[in-house]
Protein backbone atom coordinates (compact mmCIF):
# COMPACT_ATOMS: atom_id res chain seq x y z
CA MET A 1 -54.41 -25.11 68.76
CA ASN A 2 -50.93 -27.24 69.94
CA ASP A 3 -48.62 -24.37 72.32
CA ASP A 4 -45.42 -26.48 70.61
CA ALA A 5 -46.40 -26.58 66.81
CA GLU A 6 -44.30 -24.68 65.47
CA PRO A 7 -45.81 -21.49 63.41
CA TRP A 8 -45.84 -21.93 59.31
CA SER A 9 -43.89 -18.84 58.65
CA ALA A 10 -41.22 -21.05 59.90
CA ARG A 11 -41.31 -23.51 57.34
CA GLU A 12 -38.74 -22.43 55.05
CA ARG A 13 -35.30 -23.18 54.44
CA THR A 14 -32.42 -21.29 53.08
CA LEU A 15 -29.19 -23.72 51.82
CA VAL A 16 -26.24 -21.71 49.70
CA SER A 17 -24.75 -24.34 46.48
CA ALA A 18 -21.39 -23.17 45.58
CA ASP A 19 -21.69 -24.83 42.15
CA PRO A 20 -23.77 -26.36 39.76
CA ALA A 21 -23.03 -29.70 41.06
CA THR A 22 -24.15 -28.75 45.13
CA THR A 23 -26.92 -28.03 42.82
CA ILE A 24 -27.73 -31.29 41.33
CA ALA A 25 -26.59 -32.60 45.04
CA LEU A 26 -29.40 -31.01 47.19
CA ALA A 27 -32.13 -31.25 44.04
CA ALA A 28 -31.10 -35.35 44.43
CA ASP A 29 -31.57 -35.72 48.05
CA LEU A 30 -34.59 -33.49 47.77
CA ALA A 31 -36.27 -35.88 45.18
CA ALA A 32 -35.57 -38.69 48.19
CA SER A 33 -38.45 -37.37 49.42
CA ALA A 34 -40.85 -36.95 46.36
CA GLN A 35 -44.29 -38.62 46.70
CA PRO A 36 -47.26 -38.68 44.41
CA GLY A 37 -49.27 -35.31 43.03
CA ASP A 38 -45.95 -32.76 44.70
CA LEU A 39 -45.60 -30.08 42.34
CA ILE A 40 -42.00 -28.29 42.70
CA CYS A 41 -42.41 -24.62 41.09
CA LEU A 42 -38.81 -23.12 40.39
CA TRP A 43 -38.58 -20.04 40.45
CA GLY A 44 -35.37 -18.01 39.13
CA ASP A 45 -33.62 -15.49 36.38
CA LEU A 46 -32.31 -16.34 33.38
CA GLY A 47 -29.13 -18.66 33.69
CA ALA A 48 -30.44 -19.36 37.91
CA GLY A 49 -29.51 -23.10 37.95
CA LYS A 50 -33.09 -23.74 37.17
CA THR A 51 -32.49 -26.81 34.32
CA VAL A 52 -29.39 -27.28 36.94
CA PHE A 53 -31.96 -28.02 39.62
CA ALA A 54 -34.00 -30.14 37.33
CA LYS A 55 -31.34 -32.80 36.53
CA GLY A 56 -30.40 -33.22 39.16
CA PHE A 57 -34.46 -34.32 40.96
CA GLY A 58 -34.68 -36.41 38.61
CA ALA A 59 -31.72 -37.95 38.93
CA GLY A 60 -32.50 -38.46 42.37
CA LEU A 61 -35.98 -39.83 41.10
CA GLY A 62 -33.69 -42.56 38.69
CA VAL A 63 -34.06 -40.60 35.09
CA THR A 64 -31.25 -41.88 33.37
CA ASP A 65 -32.08 -39.64 29.87
CA THR A 66 -30.37 -36.58 29.78
CA ILE A 67 -32.81 -33.40 30.92
CA ASN A 68 -32.95 -30.50 29.22
CA SER A 69 -34.73 -26.76 29.01
CA PRO A 70 -38.48 -27.75 27.88
CA THR A 71 -38.35 -24.32 26.73
CA PHE A 72 -39.64 -25.53 22.93
CA VAL A 73 -41.79 -27.95 23.53
CA LEU A 74 -42.95 -26.55 26.58
CA MET A 75 -43.24 -29.81 28.70
CA SER A 76 -41.16 -32.66 28.51
CA GLU A 77 -41.85 -36.02 30.21
CA TYR A 78 -39.65 -38.83 32.31
CA GLU A 79 -39.41 -41.86 33.82
CA GLY A 80 -38.36 -42.74 37.03
CA ARG A 81 -39.18 -43.77 40.47
CA LEU A 82 -42.36 -41.24 39.79
CA PRO A 83 -42.76 -39.99 36.58
CA LEU A 84 -41.36 -36.35 36.08
CA PHE A 85 -43.76 -34.21 34.58
CA HIS A 86 -40.62 -31.05 33.77
CA LEU A 87 -42.38 -27.61 32.55
CA ASP A 88 -40.93 -24.53 30.65
CA LEU A 89 -43.62 -21.86 30.43
CA TYR A 90 -40.87 -19.12 29.49
CA ARG A 91 -42.45 -18.45 26.56
CA LEU A 92 -46.20 -18.58 27.38
CA ALA A 93 -47.85 -14.73 28.62
CA ASP A 94 -50.28 -16.67 30.70
CA ALA A 95 -52.33 -19.79 32.74
CA THR A 96 -54.49 -19.61 30.16
CA ASP A 97 -52.20 -21.25 27.50
CA ALA A 98 -50.87 -23.37 29.85
CA PHE A 99 -54.17 -24.67 30.05
CA ALA A 100 -55.04 -24.43 26.46
CA GLY A 101 -52.17 -26.12 25.49
CA GLY A 102 -53.07 -29.76 27.65
CA LEU A 103 -50.54 -28.95 30.01
CA ILE A 104 -51.55 -29.34 32.94
CA ASP A 105 -53.70 -32.74 32.86
CA ASP A 106 -54.96 -35.65 34.85
CA ARG A 107 -51.43 -38.26 34.60
CA GLN A 108 -49.51 -35.15 36.42
CA ALA A 109 -51.10 -36.83 39.69
CA ALA A 110 -49.22 -40.13 38.92
CA GLY A 111 -45.99 -38.65 39.41
CA VAL A 112 -43.48 -35.59 40.07
CA THR A 113 -44.65 -31.88 38.36
CA LEU A 114 -41.15 -29.46 38.22
CA VAL A 115 -42.10 -25.39 36.97
CA GLU A 116 -39.47 -23.28 35.64
CA TRP A 117 -41.07 -20.20 35.44
CA PRO A 118 -44.27 -20.23 37.14
CA ASP A 119 -45.09 -17.32 37.24
CA ARG A 120 -47.32 -17.44 33.69
CA MET A 121 -49.39 -18.67 35.74
CA ALA A 122 -49.39 -16.58 38.36
CA ALA A 123 -53.12 -16.93 40.34
CA ALA A 124 -53.55 -20.68 39.04
CA LEU A 125 -50.46 -22.24 40.96
CA PRO A 126 -52.33 -24.00 44.27
CA ILE A 127 -51.06 -23.20 47.17
CA GLY A 128 -50.03 -26.99 47.34
CA ARG A 129 -46.41 -26.33 46.24
CA LEU A 130 -42.70 -26.87 46.40
CA ASP A 131 -41.51 -23.41 46.06
CA VAL A 132 -37.50 -23.12 45.38
CA VAL A 133 -36.34 -19.84 45.57
CA ILE A 134 -32.48 -19.99 43.60
CA ASP A 135 -31.07 -16.67 43.53
CA GLY A 136 -27.37 -16.17 41.72
CA GLU A 137 -25.71 -15.71 38.33
CA GLY A 138 -22.98 -16.15 36.10
CA ASP A 139 -20.65 -18.61 38.94
CA GLN A 140 -20.81 -17.05 42.03
CA PRO A 141 -22.88 -19.62 44.44
CA ARG A 142 -26.17 -19.80 44.55
CA GLN A 143 -28.42 -19.47 47.51
CA ILE A 144 -31.36 -22.07 47.62
CA ARG A 145 -34.99 -20.69 49.37
CA LEU A 146 -37.16 -23.30 50.01
CA CYS A 147 -40.28 -22.33 50.47
CA ALA A 148 -43.12 -25.22 51.05
CA GLY A 149 -47.36 -24.67 50.89
CA THR A 150 -48.32 -26.51 53.11
CA PRO A 151 -47.27 -28.53 55.71
CA GLY A 152 -47.64 -31.23 53.68
CA LEU A 153 -44.68 -30.58 51.85
CA ALA A 154 -42.31 -29.68 54.56
CA ARG A 155 -41.03 -33.30 54.55
CA TYR A 156 -38.25 -31.30 51.58
CA LEU A 157 -37.54 -28.89 54.49
CA ASP A 158 -36.53 -31.77 57.10
CA ALA A 159 -34.75 -33.54 53.98
CA VAL A 160 -32.16 -30.80 54.35
CA SER A 161 -32.34 -30.22 57.58
């Protein structure tokens, strides 16, 4: 074991976003680090800014289509530098519904998957993911915590240091 290695618990960053434009810019910067097969889970209450983040991430991938919350369609797919799969699990009860509905499939290995309301997947969520936890409401600034589940995803944290 390398004594100089940074403890894994330190692989987290917390940032403050003053407004939606700042959240969009942050997400676009993070998208530059995206690689095929990445899973990004967006955590936060209603109105926290999960879809705003998704819009910025998509813009950073070169998506030119309008990104909206896929609440009623459950998943939207966009073309960019990498395919973007944007899932909204709000209306699902649990992981069984996500798998039965075909929301998780092999195509996602070629792109990046953003999941809003990932708590619906619970124990089915892999460790290999980037968690983006957004706290705040209304016109208040947002606290955005990035947590890399594996060392390979720490590239996202390095993108904002």
